[in-house]
Amino acid sequence: MSISAMDVRAVADALLSIGDLSALTGVSPRSLRYYEEQGLLSAGRTSAGHRRYDREAVDRVALVQRLFAAGLTSTEIRPVLPAMVAEEHRTGVLVSALRGYRDRLQQEVARQLDTIDILDEVIDERDRA
């Protein structure tokens, strides 16, 4: 039996449950609820109160995960996310904000490298003693 075009369209247009979104993204339902609480993700609700996500939520969750992996916090992600997912919200502020986060990380890495150098000096002094 073949799947009709109507069946394919119905599946493509279907809203996702939190379990579906979790399975598609590899992100736990608990984390998805947290993203919603933080304003990073939105869900519709059924009459029974169950969350329903559109298909774009899959890409949005992937983007949020990448930004978390880049070291941004949910507070830092919230203001830049709209500009990252919708071109009509893009301004120079987005690139400026992301550069600021990158610069902050570079400064943290430099401080950590300095700490490693100091520890290496202390270790070398103790090894010679």
C-alpha atoms as a PDB file:
ATOM      1  CA  MET A   1       0.000   0.000   0.000  1.00  0.00           C
ATOM      2  CA  SER A   2       1.414   3.407  -0.929  1.00  0.00           C
ATOM      3  CA  ILE A   3       1.155   6.588   1.043  1.00  0.00           C
ATOM      4  CA  SER A   4      -0.924   9.217  -0.714  1.00  0.00           C
ATOM      5  CA  ALA A   5       0.201  12.816  -1.095  1.00  0.00           C
ATOM      6  CA  MET A   6      -2.494  13.781   1.397  1.00  0.00           C
ATOM      7  CA  ASP A   7      -1.055  11.382   4.000  1.00  0.00           C
ATOM      8  CA  VAL A   8       2.456  12.775   3.491  1.00  0.00           C
ATOM      9  CA  ARG A   9       1.183  16.346   3.795  1.00  0.00           C
ATOM     10  CA  ALA A  10      -0.752  15.477   6.960  1.00  0.00           C
ATOM     11  CA  VAL A  11       2.396  14.037   8.540  1.00  0.00           C
ATOM     12  CA  ALA A  12       4.503  17.011   7.425  1.00  0.00           C
ATOM     13  CA  ASP A  13       1.958  19.493   8.817  1.00  0.00           C
ATOM     14  CA  ALA A  14       1.366  17.586  12.035  1.00  0.00           C
ATOM     15  CA  LEU A  15       2.231  19.248  15.295  1.00  0.00           C
ATOM     16  CA  LEU A  16       4.769  17.513  17.483  1.00  0.00           C
ATOM     17  CA  SER A  17       4.254  16.387  21.046  1.00  0.00           C
ATOM     18  CA  ILE A  18       7.023  17.051  23.550  1.00  0.00           C
ATOM     19  CA  GLY A  19       8.013  13.378  23.228  1.00  0.00           C
ATOM     20  CA  ASP A  20       8.194  13.672  19.432  1.00  0.00           C
ATOM     21  CA  LEU A  21      10.319  16.815  19.647  1.00  0.00           C
ATOM     22  CA  SER A  22      12.556  15.154  22.210  1.00  0.00           C
ATOM     23  CA  ALA A  23      13.024  12.098  19.984  1.00  0.00           C
ATOM     24  CA  LEU A  24      13.783  14.216  16.905  1.00  0.00           C
ATOM     25  CA  THR A  25      16.289  16.484  18.647  1.00  0.00           C
ATOM     26  CA  GLY A  26      17.810  14.255  21.303  1.00  0.00           C
ATOM     27  CA  VAL A  27      16.930  16.883  23.918  1.00  0.00           C
ATOM     28  CA  SER A  28      15.097  15.684  27.010  1.00  0.00           C
ATOM     29  CA  PRO A  29      11.495  16.756  27.644  1.00  0.00           C
ATOM     30  CA  ARG A  30      12.706  18.386  30.855  1.00  0.00           C
ATOM     31  CA  SER A  31      15.142  20.552  28.876  1.00  0.00           C
ATOM     32  CA  LEU A  32      12.437  21.424  26.350  1.00  0.00           C
ATOM     33  CA  ARG A  33      10.192  22.602  29.182  1.00  0.00           C
ATOM     34  CA  TYR A  34      13.121  24.660  30.520  1.00  0.00           C
ATOM     35  CA  TYR A  35      13.619  26.236  27.074  1.00  0.00           C
ATOM     36  CA  GLU A  36       9.956  27.183  27.096  1.00  0.00           C
ATOM     37  CA  GLU A  37      10.219  28.676  30.606  1.00  0.00           C
ATOM     38  CA  GLN A  38      13.219  30.719  29.465  1.00  0.00           C
ATOM     39  CA  GLY A  39      11.428  32.048  26.376  1.00  0.00           C
ATOM     40  CA  LEU A  40      13.628  30.131  23.932  1.00  0.00           C
ATOM     41  CA  LEU A  41      10.857  27.889  22.615  1.00  0.00           C
ATOM     42  CA  SER A  42       7.113  28.210  22.416  1.00  0.00           C
ATOM     43  CA  ALA A  43       4.411  25.597  22.285  1.00  0.00           C
ATOM     44  CA  GLY A  44       0.742  25.592  21.574  1.00  0.00           C
ATOM     45  CA  ARG A  45      -1.565  23.648  23.829  1.00  0.00           C
ATOM     46  CA  THR A  46      -4.267  21.119  23.160  1.00  0.00           C
ATOM     47  CA  SER A  47      -7.620  21.398  24.909  1.00  0.00           C
ATOM     48  CA  ALA A  48      -6.186  18.930  27.450  1.00  0.00           C
ATOM     49  CA  GLY A  49      -3.178  21.209  28.032  1.00  0.00           C
ATOM     50  CA  HIS A  50      -0.595  19.071  26.200  1.00  0.00           C
ATOM     51  CA  ARG A  51       2.223  20.916  24.464  1.00  0.00           C
ATOM     52  CA  ARG A  52       2.307  20.923  20.657  1.00  0.00           C
ATOM     53  CA  TYR A  53       5.230  22.220  18.623  1.00  0.00           C
ATOM     54  CA  ASP A  54       5.434  23.111  14.957  1.00  0.00           C
ATOM     55  CA  ARG A  55       8.102  21.534  12.740  1.00  0.00           C
ATOM     56  CA  GLU A  56      10.306  24.652  12.958  1.00  0.00           C
ATOM     57  CA  ALA A  57      10.816  23.841  16.632  1.00  0.00           C
ATOM     58  CA  VAL A  58      13.259  21.096  15.592  1.00  0.00           C
ATOM     59  CA  ASP A  59      15.597  23.655  13.987  1.00  0.00           C
ATOM     60  CA  ARG A  60      15.098  26.110  16.840  1.00  0.00           C
ATOM     61  CA  VAL A  61      16.070  23.485  19.441  1.00  0.00           C
ATOM     62  CA  ALA A  62      19.158  22.576  17.382  1.00  0.00           C
ATOM     63  CA  LEU A  63      20.148  26.248  17.263  1.00  0.00           C
ATOM     64  CA  VAL A  64      19.621  26.681  21.011  1.00  0.00           C
ATOM     65  CA  GLN A  65      21.786  23.610  21.609  1.00  0.00           C
ATOM     66  CA  ARG A  66      24.568  25.051  19.423  1.00  0.00           C
ATOM     67  CA  LEU A  67      24.449  28.342  21.299  1.00  0.00           C
ATOM     68  CA  PHE A  68      24.590  26.546  24.649  1.00  0.00           C
ATOM     69  CA  ALA A  69      27.570  24.548  23.333  1.00  0.00           C
ATOM     70  CA  ALA A  70      29.196  27.862  22.354  1.00  0.00           C
ATOM     71  CA  GLY A  71      29.029  28.907  26.003  1.00  0.00           C
ATOM     72  CA  LEU A  72      26.044  31.251  25.937  1.00  0.00           C
ATOM     73  CA  THR A  73      23.498  31.166  28.733  1.00  0.00           C
ATOM     74  CA  SER A  74      19.732  31.152  28.223  1.00  0.00           C
ATOM     75  CA  THR A  75      19.707  34.804  29.301  1.00  0.00           C
ATOM     76  CA  GLU A  76      22.221  35.634  26.569  1.00  0.00           C
ATOM     77  CA  ILE A  77      20.463  33.508  23.942  1.00  0.00           C
ATOM     78  CA  ARG A  78      16.970  34.947  24.465  1.00  0.00           C
ATOM     79  CA  PRO A  79      17.597  38.410  22.959  1.00  0.00           C
ATOM     80  CA  VAL A  80      19.549  37.172  19.905  1.00  0.00           C
ATOM     81  CA  LEU A  81      17.416  34.142  19.050  1.00  0.00           C
ATOM     82  CA  PRO A  82      14.649  35.990  17.162  1.00  0.00           C
ATOM     83  CA  ALA A  83      17.216  37.539  14.819  1.00  0.00           C
ATOM     84  CA  MET A  84      18.827  34.163  14.239  1.00  0.00           C
ATOM     85  CA  VAL A  85      15.603  32.425  13.228  1.00  0.00           C
ATOM     86  CA  ALA A  86      13.806  35.195  11.302  1.00  0.00           C
ATOM     87  CA  GLU A  87      15.515  37.443   8.794  1.00  0.00           C
ATOM     88  CA  GLU A  88      13.085  40.307   9.420  1.00  0.00           C
ATOM     89  CA  HIS A  89      14.508  40.612  12.961  1.00  0.00           C
ATOM     90  CA  ARG A  90      18.145  40.767  11.863  1.00  0.00           C
ATOM     91  CA  THR A  91      20.081  43.896  12.662  1.00  0.00           C
ATOM     92  CA  GLY A  92      23.706  44.756  13.297  1.00  0.00           C
ATOM     93  CA  VAL A  93      22.994  44.148  16.970  1.00  0.00           C
ATOM     94  CA  LEU A  94      22.956  40.384  16.387  1.00  0.00           C
ATOM     95  CA  VAL A  95      26.471  40.210  14.970  1.00  0.00           C
ATOM     96  CA  SER A  96      27.704  42.708  17.537  1.00  0.00           C
ATOM     97  CA  ALA A  97      26.239  40.665  20.396  1.00  0.00           C
ATOM     98  CA  LEU A  98      27.721  37.419  19.089  1.00  0.00           C
ATOM     99  CA  ARG A  99      31.122  39.065  18.644  1.00  0.00           C
ATOM    100  CA  GLY A 100      30.878  40.318  22.219  1.00  0.00           C
ATOM    101  CA  TYR A 101      30.227  36.783  23.485  1.00  0.00           C
ATOM    102  CA  ARG A 102      33.137  35.474  21.409  1.00  0.00           C
ATOM    103  CA  ASP A 103      35.450  38.196  22.739  1.00  0.00           C
ATOM    104  CA  ARG A 104      34.425  37.370  26.309  1.00  0.00           C
ATOM    105  CA  LEU A 105      35.262  33.707  25.708  1.00  0.00           C
ATOM    106  CA  GLN A 106      38.630  34.612  24.206  1.00  0.00           C
ATOM    107  CA  GLN A 107      39.436  36.635  27.333  1.00  0.00           C
ATOM    108  CA  GLU A 108      38.448  33.715  29.554  1.00  0.00           C
ATOM    109  CA  VAL A 109      40.661  31.355  27.538  1.00  0.00           C
ATOM    110  CA  ALA A 110      43.586  33.790  27.831  1.00  0.00           C
ATOM    111  CA  ARG A 111      43.106  33.946  31.628  1.00  0.00           C
ATOM    112  CA  GLN A 112      43.019  30.157  31.828  1.00  0.00           C
ATOM    113  CA  LEU A 113      46.193  29.874  29.734  1.00  0.00           C
ATOM    114  CA  ASP A 114      47.887  32.329  32.105  1.00  0.00           C
ATOM    115  CA  THR A 115      46.783  30.161  35.031  1.00  0.00           C
ATOM    116  CA  ILE A 116      48.258  27.076  33.342  1.00  0.00           C
ATOM    117  CA  ASP A 117      51.559  28.927  32.837  1.00  0.00           C
ATOM    118  CA  ILE A 118      51.662  29.883  36.528  1.00  0.00           C
ATOM    119  CA  LEU A 119      50.891  26.306  37.584  1.00  0.00           C
ATOM    120  CA  ASP A 120      53.614  25.004  35.271  1.00  0.00           C
ATOM    121  CA  GLU A 121      56.105  27.390  36.916  1.00  0.00           C
ATOM    122  CA  VAL A 122      55.091  26.258  40.406  1.00  0.00           C
ATOM    123  CA  ILE A 123      55.317  22.594  39.376  1.00  0.00           C
ATOM    124  CA  ASP A 124      58.762  23.136  37.808  1.00  0.00           C
ATOM    125  CA  GLU A 125      59.993  24.890  40.974  1.00  0.00           C
ATOM    126  CA  ARG A 126      58.772  22.019  43.153  1.00  0.00           C
ATOM    127  CA  ASP A 127      60.256  19.391  40.845  1.00  0.00           C
ATOM    128  CA  ARG A 128      63.680  21.049  41.157  1.00  0.00           C
ATOM    129  CA  ALA A 129      63.487  21.288  44.930  1.00  0.00           C
END
